[in-house]
Amino acid sequence: METLEFVIYPDGRVQEKVTGVVGASCAEVTAKIEAKLGRVVSQQQTSEYFAQEVVVQDATVANKNTFSDW
């Protein structure tokens, strides 16, 4: 589940936290919001940012056993 959390401080600073988004695609999720909020002062990536999406591949192997008539 993707979650965006915003903390707005009395001085106007906004802290944004994204969870549930794997890889650098979180930048795509937040780009329009950050453009409306103003200048980004700093960013700190989480372990989810550096994770890679796991792609499951299904491989079926046909095994033919043949026996000789020796």
N, C-alpha and C. Protein backbone atom coordinates (compact mmCIF):
# COMPACT_ATOMS: atom_id res chain seq x y z
N MET A 1 0.84 -1.17 0.00
CA MET A 1 0.00 0.00 0.00
C MET A 1 0.89 1.24 0.00
N GLU A 2 0.63 2.14 -0.94
CA GLU A 2 1.38 3.38 -1.02
C GLU A 2 0.83 4.40 -0.03
N THR A 3 1.73 5.04 0.71
CA THR A 3 1.31 6.03 1.69
C THR A 3 2.18 7.27 1.57
N LEU A 4 1.54 8.42 1.54
CA LEU A 4 2.24 9.70 1.59
C LEU A 4 1.87 10.38 2.90
N GLU A 5 2.87 10.78 3.66
CA GLU A 5 2.64 11.43 4.95
C GLU A 5 3.30 12.80 4.92
N PHE A 6 2.55 13.82 5.33
CA PHE A 6 3.07 15.19 5.35
C PHE A 6 2.95 15.74 6.76
N VAL A 7 4.05 16.36 7.21
CA VAL A 7 4.06 17.06 8.49
C VAL A 7 4.33 18.53 8.16
N ILE A 8 3.42 19.40 8.55
CA ILE A 8 3.58 20.84 8.29
C ILE A 8 3.92 21.52 9.61
N TYR A 9 5.09 22.13 9.66
CA TYR A 9 5.58 22.77 10.87
C TYR A 9 5.07 24.21 10.94
N PRO A 10 5.05 24.80 12.14
CA PRO A 10 4.57 26.18 12.30
C PRO A 10 5.34 27.21 11.47
N ASP A 11 6.62 26.92 11.18
CA ASP A 11 7.42 27.86 10.40
C ASP A 11 7.22 27.69 8.89
N GLY A 12 6.35 26.77 8.48
CA GLY A 12 6.04 26.59 7.06
C GLY A 12 6.77 25.44 6.39
N ARG A 13 7.74 24.86 7.07
CA ARG A 13 8.43 23.70 6.50
C ARG A 13 7.46 22.53 6.37
N VAL A 14 7.67 21.73 5.35
CA VAL A 14 6.85 20.54 5.14
C VAL A 14 7.77 19.34 5.04
N GLN A 15 7.49 18.34 5.85
CA GLN A 15 8.23 17.08 5.78
C GLN A 15 7.34 16.06 5.10
N GLU A 16 7.88 15.40 4.10
CA GLU A 16 7.12 14.43 3.33
C GLU A 16 7.77 13.06 3.50
N LYS A 17 6.96 12.04 3.73
CA LYS A 17 7.47 10.68 3.87
C LYS A 17 6.63 9.77 2.97
N VAL A 18 7.32 9.01 2.12
CA VAL A 18 6.65 8.09 1.20
C VAL A 18 7.00 6.67 1.62
N THR A 19 5.98 5.83 1.77
CA THR A 19 6.21 4.43 2.08
C THR A 19 5.38 3.57 1.13
N GLY A 20 5.86 2.36 0.91
CA GLY A 20 5.13 1.43 0.06
C GLY A 20 5.41 1.56 -1.41
N VAL A 21 6.38 2.41 -1.78
CA VAL A 21 6.76 2.57 -3.18
C VAL A 21 8.19 2.06 -3.31
N VAL A 22 8.38 1.06 -4.17
CA VAL A 22 9.70 0.45 -4.33
C VAL A 22 10.47 1.15 -5.44
N GLY A 23 11.72 1.47 -5.16
CA GLY A 23 12.59 2.08 -6.17
C GLY A 23 12.40 3.58 -6.27
N ALA A 24 12.97 4.12 -7.33
CA ALA A 24 12.98 5.57 -7.52
C ALA A 24 11.66 6.11 -8.04
N SER A 25 10.66 5.26 -8.23
CA SER A 25 9.37 5.74 -8.74
C SER A 25 8.65 6.63 -7.73
N CYS A 26 9.12 6.68 -6.50
CA CYS A 26 8.51 7.58 -5.52
C CYS A 26 8.68 9.04 -5.95
N ALA A 27 9.75 9.34 -6.69
CA ALA A 27 9.95 10.70 -7.20
C ALA A 27 8.85 11.07 -8.18
N GLU A 28 8.40 10.11 -8.97
CA GLU A 28 7.29 10.35 -9.90
C GLU A 28 5.99 10.60 -9.15
N VAL A 29 5.80 9.85 -8.07
CA VAL A 29 4.58 9.97 -7.27
C VAL A 29 4.47 11.34 -6.62
N THR A 30 5.59 11.90 -6.19
CA THR A 30 5.57 13.14 -5.41
C THR A 30 5.93 14.40 -6.20
N ALA A 31 6.34 14.27 -7.45
CA ALA A 31 6.84 15.42 -8.22
C ALA A 31 5.84 16.57 -8.29
N LYS A 32 4.59 16.30 -8.62
CA LYS A 32 3.60 17.36 -8.77
C LYS A 32 3.29 18.03 -7.43
N ILE A 33 3.26 17.24 -6.37
CA ILE A 33 3.00 17.79 -5.03
C ILE A 33 4.14 18.70 -4.61
N GLU A 34 5.38 18.23 -4.82
CA GLU A 34 6.55 19.03 -4.44
C GLU A 34 6.61 20.33 -5.24
N ALA A 35 6.20 20.29 -6.50
CA ALA A 35 6.20 21.51 -7.33
C ALA A 35 5.23 22.55 -6.76
N LYS A 36 4.12 22.10 -6.21
CA LYS A 36 3.15 23.02 -5.62
C LYS A 36 3.58 23.52 -4.25
N LEU A 37 4.33 22.69 -3.51
CA LEU A 37 4.75 23.07 -2.16
C LEU A 37 5.87 24.10 -2.17
N GLY A 38 6.73 24.05 -3.17
CA GLY A 38 7.84 25.00 -3.21
C GLY A 38 9.18 24.31 -3.34
N ARG A 39 10.21 24.98 -2.92
CA ARG A 39 11.58 24.51 -3.07
C ARG A 39 11.87 23.34 -2.13
N VAL A 40 12.48 22.29 -2.68
CA VAL A 40 12.90 21.14 -1.88
C VAL A 40 14.28 21.46 -1.31
N VAL A 41 14.39 21.44 0.01
CA VAL A 41 15.64 21.79 0.68
C VAL A 41 16.54 20.57 0.82
N SER A 42 15.97 19.44 1.17
CA SER A 42 16.77 18.22 1.32
C SER A 42 15.90 17.00 1.07
N GLN A 43 16.57 15.91 0.74
CA GLN A 43 15.91 14.63 0.56
C GLN A 43 16.74 13.55 1.22
N GLN A 44 16.06 12.57 1.78
CA GLN A 44 16.74 11.44 2.40
C GLN A 44 16.02 10.18 1.93
N GLN A 45 16.73 9.35 1.17
CA GLN A 45 16.13 8.14 0.65
C GLN A 45 16.08 7.06 1.72
N THR A 46 15.02 6.25 1.67
CA THR A 46 14.86 5.13 2.59
C THR A 46 15.36 3.86 1.92
N SER A 47 15.34 2.77 2.66
CA SER A 47 15.77 1.50 2.09
C SER A 47 14.86 1.08 0.93
N GLU A 48 13.59 1.48 0.96
CA GLU A 48 12.68 1.15 -0.14
C GLU A 48 13.13 1.79 -1.45
N TYR A 49 13.77 2.95 -1.37
CA TYR A 49 14.25 3.64 -2.56
C TYR A 49 15.30 2.80 -3.28
N PHE A 50 16.15 2.15 -2.51
CA PHE A 50 17.24 1.37 -3.08
C PHE A 50 16.85 -0.07 -3.41
N ALA A 51 15.66 -0.47 -2.99
CA ALA A 51 15.18 -1.83 -3.28
C ALA A 51 14.80 -1.93 -4.75
N GLN A 52 14.81 -3.15 -5.23
CA GLN A 52 14.40 -3.41 -6.60
C GLN A 52 13.16 -4.28 -6.59
N GLU A 53 12.29 -4.00 -7.54
CA GLU A 53 11.07 -4.78 -7.65
C GLU A 53 11.42 -6.18 -8.11
N VAL A 54 10.82 -7.17 -7.48
CA VAL A 54 11.08 -8.56 -7.82
C VAL A 54 10.12 -8.99 -8.91
N VAL A 55 10.68 -9.50 -9.98
CA VAL A 55 9.87 -10.00 -11.08
C VAL A 55 9.91 -11.52 -11.04
N VAL A 56 8.74 -12.12 -10.93
CA VAL A 56 8.66 -13.57 -10.85
C VAL A 56 8.49 -14.12 -12.26
N GLN A 57 9.37 -15.03 -12.61
CA GLN A 57 9.29 -15.65 -13.91
C GLN A 57 8.94 -17.12 -13.74
N ASP A 58 8.06 -17.59 -14.59
CA ASP A 58 7.65 -18.99 -14.53
C ASP A 58 8.34 -19.73 -15.65
N ALA A 59 9.09 -20.71 -15.29
CA ALA A 59 9.80 -21.50 -16.29
C ALA A 59 9.36 -22.95 -16.16
N THR A 60 8.91 -23.52 -17.26
CA THR A 60 8.51 -24.92 -17.28
C THR A 60 9.55 -25.69 -18.06
N VAL A 61 10.04 -26.74 -17.45
CA VAL A 61 11.07 -27.55 -18.09
C VAL A 61 10.47 -28.90 -18.42
N ALA A 62 10.60 -29.30 -19.66
CA ALA A 62 10.15 -30.62 -20.08
C ALA A 62 11.32 -31.57 -19.95
N ASN A 63 11.13 -32.62 -19.21
CA ASN A 63 12.19 -33.57 -18.98
C ASN A 63 11.83 -34.88 -19.68
N LYS A 64 12.59 -35.24 -20.68
CA LYS A 64 12.36 -36.50 -21.40
C LYS A 64 13.50 -37.45 -21.08
N ASN A 65 13.15 -38.54 -20.53
CA ASN A 65 14.14 -39.58 -20.28
C ASN A 65 14.00 -40.64 -21.35
N THR A 66 15.07 -40.95 -22.02
CA THR A 66 15.05 -42.02 -23.00
C THR A 66 16.05 -43.09 -22.58
N PHE A 67 15.68 -44.30 -22.81
CA PHE A 67 16.55 -45.43 -22.42
C PHE A 67 16.93 -46.20 -23.68
N SER A 68 18.12 -46.64 -23.73
CA SER A 68 18.58 -47.41 -24.89
C SER A 68 18.29 -48.89 -24.66
N ASP A 69 18.28 -49.65 -25.72
CA ASP A 69 17.99 -51.08 -25.64
C ASP A 69 19.28 -51.90 -25.62
N TRP A 70 20.20 -51.55 -24.83
CA TRP A 70 21.47 -52.27 -24.82
C TRP A 70 21.30 -53.62 -24.31
